[in-house]
Amino acid sequence: METLTDYDQTRYDRQMLIHGWGEEGQTKLKASRVFIAGAGGLGSPVSIYLAVAGIGEMRICDADKLELSNLNRQILHTEKRVGEMKSASAAKTLRQLNPTINIMAYSDYIDENSIETVVGKPDIIVDCLDNFETRYLLNTYCIQNKIPLVHGAIWGMMGQVTFVYPPETPCLKCLFPEPPPKEIFPVVGVTPGIIGCVQAAETLKYLTGVGTNLKGRLLILDGEEMDFNSVNVKRSPSCPECGGL
């Protein structure tokens, strides 16, 4: 049973003032385990804000090395770390931001053979990926293990977020039956910054029990017009992944 120390009480004092959060909510965060898939544009703000909020254990996985062209948006990293594994670089930053939490870094490719070892059985998974092949794999894993998934994606100055937890919500296959074509897509750092912060908020809300998650809703950002729309989404009865639930 986790308890809050004097350090915790002081460090997290301001967020514990939020209605419904308090010591109970902070204790829940301290006992929670989160898996973050991706340490890039989305994974940066997600992991930073979850770390400073006091998540107990955070696993972050990325199989890529840091490149100079990543630095316009991947704020976990510095130019001196170009060539390092992103997961290792991420862990360095996160441990500096909050040395009291447990950070576990993985540089494995997430596939059918590695997923159980790398992901484990967290309380929630955050999708900060840039490809649907791995997203679909996480989607299946979450359904099989009854783990909620916070999906986020960006393109240019557009972005989207939804909370996936069948049978309460559609799964990713319901929403996106076919993956979009693979491409090198445009991105400016503010877009994953905004979307990643929304994903972090959805994660914190679920873990503390504060507020309402984006269940059955897809939040869409049009950054060029600075317009947010929330679209209701429904499960597909014929979905090959969650239709039988």
Protein backbone atom coordinates (compact mmCIF):
# COMPACT_ATOMS: atom_id res chain seq x y z
CA MET A 1 0.00 0.00 0.00
CA GLU A 2 1.55 3.28 -1.13
CA THR A 3 1.57 6.24 1.23
CA LEU A 4 2.50 9.85 0.60
CA THR A 5 5.70 11.16 2.15
CA ASP A 6 6.26 14.73 3.34
CA TYR A 7 8.14 15.23 0.07
CA ASP A 8 5.10 14.05 -1.91
CA GLN A 9 2.78 16.27 0.08
CA THR A 10 4.89 19.30 -0.76
CA ARG A 11 5.76 18.46 -4.37
CA TYR A 12 2.21 17.64 -5.45
CA ASP A 13 0.38 20.08 -3.19
CA ARG A 14 -1.09 22.21 -5.99
CA GLN A 15 -2.60 19.36 -8.01
CA MET A 16 -4.04 17.80 -4.87
CA LEU A 17 -6.13 20.97 -4.50
CA ILE A 18 -8.15 19.91 -7.57
CA HIS A 19 -11.65 18.85 -6.56
CA GLY A 20 -11.82 15.07 -6.25
CA TRP A 21 -8.02 14.62 -6.44
CA GLY A 22 -6.64 15.13 -2.94
CA GLU A 23 -4.37 12.69 -1.13
CA GLU A 24 -6.39 9.72 -2.35
CA GLY A 25 -5.90 10.62 -6.00
CA GLN A 26 -2.20 11.28 -5.50
CA THR A 27 -1.76 7.98 -3.72
CA LYS A 28 -3.42 6.27 -6.68
CA LEU A 29 -0.91 7.93 -9.02
CA LYS A 30 1.99 6.83 -6.85
CA ALA A 31 0.77 3.23 -7.05
CA SER A 32 0.05 3.34 -10.79
CA ARG A 33 1.94 1.83 -13.71
CA VAL A 34 1.85 3.39 -17.17
CA PHE A 35 3.27 2.15 -20.47
CA ILE A 36 4.16 4.77 -23.07
CA ALA A 37 4.67 3.51 -26.61
CA GLY A 38 7.02 5.98 -28.28
CA ALA A 39 9.52 8.56 -27.01
CA GLY A 40 9.12 11.03 -29.86
CA GLY A 41 6.87 14.00 -30.52
CA LEU A 42 3.87 12.68 -28.59
CA GLY A 43 5.82 10.62 -26.09
CA SER A 44 7.78 13.69 -25.00
CA PRO A 45 4.95 15.77 -23.48
CA VAL A 46 3.06 12.68 -22.34
CA SER A 47 5.98 11.27 -20.37
CA ILE A 48 7.15 14.66 -19.05
CA TYR A 49 3.75 15.60 -17.63
CA LEU A 50 3.08 12.14 -16.23
CA ALA A 51 6.51 12.10 -14.60
CA VAL A 52 6.11 15.47 -12.90
CA ALA A 53 2.59 14.48 -11.77
CA GLY A 54 4.05 11.59 -9.77
CA ILE A 55 3.24 8.40 -11.69
CA GLY A 56 4.74 5.53 -9.68
CA GLU A 57 6.16 3.44 -12.52
CA MET A 58 6.57 4.45 -16.12
CA ARG A 59 7.72 2.15 -18.90
CA ILE A 60 8.71 3.97 -22.08
CA CYS A 61 9.63 2.14 -25.27
CA ASP A 62 11.15 3.34 -28.53
CA ALA A 63 13.36 1.32 -30.87
CA ASP A 64 14.81 4.30 -32.76
CA LYS A 65 17.95 6.38 -32.32
CA LEU A 66 17.73 10.14 -31.95
CA GLU A 67 18.29 12.14 -35.14
CA LEU A 68 18.89 15.85 -35.56
CA SER A 69 15.64 16.21 -37.52
CA ASN A 70 13.69 14.95 -34.49
CA LEU A 71 14.56 17.93 -32.33
CA ASN A 72 11.93 20.34 -33.65
CA ARG A 73 9.32 18.39 -31.67
CA GLN A 74 10.89 15.71 -29.47
CA ILE A 75 11.55 17.79 -26.37
CA LEU A 76 12.69 14.86 -24.20
CA HIS A 77 16.03 15.02 -25.95
CA THR A 78 18.99 17.33 -26.52
CA GLU A 79 21.34 17.83 -29.46
CA LYS A 80 24.21 16.28 -27.50
CA ARG A 81 22.30 12.99 -27.45
CA VAL A 82 21.92 12.63 -31.23
CA GLY A 83 22.78 9.00 -32.04
CA GLU A 84 21.62 7.68 -28.65
CA MET A 85 18.61 5.42 -28.27
CA LYS A 86 15.54 7.56 -27.68
CA SER A 87 14.38 5.41 -24.79
CA ALA A 88 17.68 5.85 -22.93
CA SER A 89 17.68 9.59 -23.59
CA ALA A 90 14.09 9.81 -22.40
CA ALA A 91 14.93 8.03 -19.16
CA LYS A 92 17.76 10.49 -18.45
CA THR A 93 15.44 13.47 -18.84
CA LEU A 94 12.58 11.96 -16.85
CA ARG A 95 14.84 10.96 -13.95
CA GLN A 96 16.13 14.52 -13.79
CA LEU A 97 12.57 15.87 -13.76
CA ASN A 98 11.43 13.48 -11.03
CA PRO A 99 14.04 11.28 -9.34
CA THR A 100 11.46 9.68 -7.04
CA ILE A 101 9.59 7.68 -9.68
CA ASN A 102 10.57 4.41 -11.35
CA ILE A 103 11.49 4.83 -15.03
CA MET A 104 12.02 1.71 -17.15
CA ALA A 105 13.38 2.23 -20.67
CA TYR A 106 13.04 -0.30 -23.51
CA SER A 107 14.55 -0.09 -26.99
CA ASP A 108 12.79 -3.20 -28.33
CA TYR A 109 10.54 -3.30 -31.36
CA ILE A 110 7.05 -4.08 -30.14
CA ASP A 111 5.92 -7.23 -31.90
CA GLU A 112 3.99 -10.38 -31.05
CA ASN A 113 7.08 -11.94 -29.45
CA SER A 114 8.15 -8.97 -27.32
CA ILE A 115 4.90 -7.26 -26.39
CA GLU A 116 4.14 -9.15 -23.19
CA THR A 117 7.67 -8.73 -21.82
CA VAL A 118 8.02 -5.08 -22.78
CA VAL A 119 4.51 -3.82 -22.03
CA GLY A 120 3.70 -6.04 -19.06
CA LYS A 121 0.40 -5.45 -17.29
CA PRO A 122 0.18 -1.69 -16.72
CA ASP A 123 -2.87 0.18 -15.50
CA ILE A 124 -3.06 2.10 -18.78
CA ILE A 125 -1.21 2.35 -22.11
CA VAL A 126 -0.57 5.57 -24.02
CA ASP A 127 -0.25 5.31 -27.80
CA CYS A 128 2.42 7.81 -28.91
CA LEU A 129 3.30 5.94 -32.07
CA ASP A 130 3.60 6.99 -35.69
CA ASN A 131 2.52 3.73 -37.35
CA PHE A 132 -0.71 1.76 -37.34
CA GLU A 133 0.88 -1.69 -37.53
CA THR A 134 2.10 -1.37 -33.94
CA ARG A 135 -1.03 0.52 -32.90
CA TYR A 136 -3.18 -2.41 -33.99
CA LEU A 137 -0.94 -4.78 -32.03
CA LEU A 138 -1.35 -2.66 -28.89
CA ASN A 139 -5.08 -2.45 -29.55
CA THR A 140 -5.36 -6.25 -29.58
CA TYR A 141 -3.18 -6.58 -26.48
CA CYS A 142 -5.29 -4.05 -24.58
CA ILE A 143 -8.54 -5.82 -25.50
CA GLN A 144 -7.16 -9.21 -24.47
CA ASN A 145 -5.86 -7.89 -21.14
CA LYS A 146 -8.65 -5.37 -20.42
CA ILE A 147 -6.25 -2.42 -20.34
CA PRO A 148 -7.41 1.07 -21.41
CA LEU A 149 -5.54 2.76 -24.24
CA VAL A 150 -5.18 6.50 -24.85
CA HIS A 151 -4.77 6.98 -28.60
CA GLY A 152 -3.18 10.07 -30.05
CA ALA A 153 -2.03 10.93 -33.57
CA ILE A 154 -0.89 14.01 -35.47
CA TRP A 155 -0.33 15.21 -39.03
CA GLY A 156 1.01 18.70 -39.70
CA MET A 157 -1.10 20.98 -37.50
CA MET A 158 -3.90 18.42 -37.16
CA GLY A 159 -4.31 15.98 -34.29
CA GLN A 160 -6.70 13.57 -32.61
CA VAL A 161 -7.19 11.87 -29.24
CA THR A 162 -9.61 9.24 -27.97
CA PHE A 163 -9.92 6.90 -24.99
CA VAL A 164 -10.17 3.25 -26.01
CA TYR A 165 -11.65 0.74 -23.57
CA PRO A 166 -13.95 -1.87 -25.18
CA PRO A 167 -16.72 -2.79 -24.62
CA GLU A 168 -17.37 0.70 -23.20
CA THR A 169 -15.89 2.29 -26.33
CA PRO A 170 -14.94 1.44 -29.91
CA CYS A 171 -11.49 -0.02 -30.40
CA LEU A 172 -8.96 1.35 -32.89
CA LYS A 173 -10.03 -1.17 -35.52
CA CYS A 174 -13.61 0.12 -35.25
CA LEU A 175 -12.40 3.66 -35.87
CA PHE A 176 -9.69 2.91 -38.41
CA PRO A 177 -10.40 -0.43 -40.16
CA GLU A 178 -7.56 0.17 -42.61
CA PRO A 179 -4.26 1.90 -41.89
CA PRO A 180 -3.42 5.09 -43.77
CA PRO A 181 -0.60 4.84 -46.32
CA LYS A 182 2.89 5.06 -44.86
CA GLU A 183 4.57 8.39 -45.48
CA ILE A 184 6.95 10.95 -44.07
CA PHE A 185 4.37 13.40 -42.76
CA PRO A 186 4.77 17.07 -41.84
CA VAL A 187 4.86 18.10 -38.19
CA VAL A 188 5.62 21.18 -36.13
CA GLY A 189 6.35 20.66 -32.44
CA VAL A 190 3.34 22.53 -31.10
CA THR A 191 0.94 19.94 -32.54
CA PRO A 192 2.24 16.90 -30.64
CA GLY A 193 2.73 19.26 -27.72
CA ILE A 194 -1.00 19.99 -27.60
CA ILE A 195 -2.14 16.45 -28.38
CA GLY A 196 0.38 14.90 -25.98
CA CYS A 197 -0.84 17.14 -23.17
CA VAL A 198 -4.41 16.02 -23.84
CA GLN A 199 -3.27 12.39 -23.73
CA ALA A 200 -1.49 12.99 -20.43
CA ALA A 201 -4.63 14.63 -19.04
CA GLU A 202 -6.76 11.65 -20.11
CA THR A 203 -4.31 9.31 -18.39
CA LEU A 204 -4.25 11.30 -15.15
CA LYS A 205 -8.04 11.58 -15.10
CA TYR A 206 -8.45 7.83 -15.49
CA LEU A 207 -5.91 6.99 -12.79
CA THR A 208 -7.24 9.48 -10.23
CA GLY A 209 -10.93 9.12 -11.08
CA VAL A 210 -11.24 12.86 -11.69
CA GLY A 211 -13.39 14.09 -14.57
CA THR A 212 -14.72 12.27 -17.63
CA ASN A 213 -12.62 10.51 -20.26
CA LEU A 214 -13.05 10.70 -24.04
CA LYS A 215 -15.01 7.46 -24.16
CA GLY A 216 -16.91 7.15 -27.42
CA ARG A 217 -15.59 10.53 -28.53
CA LEU A 218 -12.80 11.47 -30.90
CA LEU A 219 -11.33 14.89 -30.12
CA ILE A 220 -9.99 16.51 -33.28
CA LEU A 221 -7.64 19.50 -33.38
CA ASP A 222 -7.39 21.79 -36.40
CA GLY A 223 -4.32 23.75 -35.39
CA GLU A 224 -4.43 26.08 -38.38
CA GLU A 225 -7.84 27.40 -37.33
CA MET A 226 -7.24 26.58 -33.63
CA ASP A 227 -10.51 24.71 -33.53
CA PHE A 228 -11.38 21.66 -31.44
CA ASN A 229 -14.24 19.33 -32.39
CA SER A 230 -15.52 16.32 -30.51
CA VAL A 231 -17.05 13.63 -32.70
CA ASN A 232 -19.15 10.81 -31.27
CA VAL A 233 -17.88 7.39 -32.37
CA LYS A 234 -19.50 3.97 -32.03
CA ARG A 235 -18.37 0.38 -31.91
CA SER A 236 -18.65 -1.72 -35.03
CA PRO A 237 -20.63 -4.93 -34.35
CA SER A 238 -18.60 -6.64 -37.07
CA CYS A 239 -15.23 -5.48 -35.76
CA PRO A 240 -12.78 -8.42 -35.87
CA GLU A 241 -11.10 -7.26 -32.66
CA CYS A 242 -13.87 -6.21 -30.26
CA GLY A 243 -17.10 -7.18 -32.01
CA GLY A 244 -17.55 -10.29 -29.87
CA LEU A 245 -17.28 -8.53 -26.52
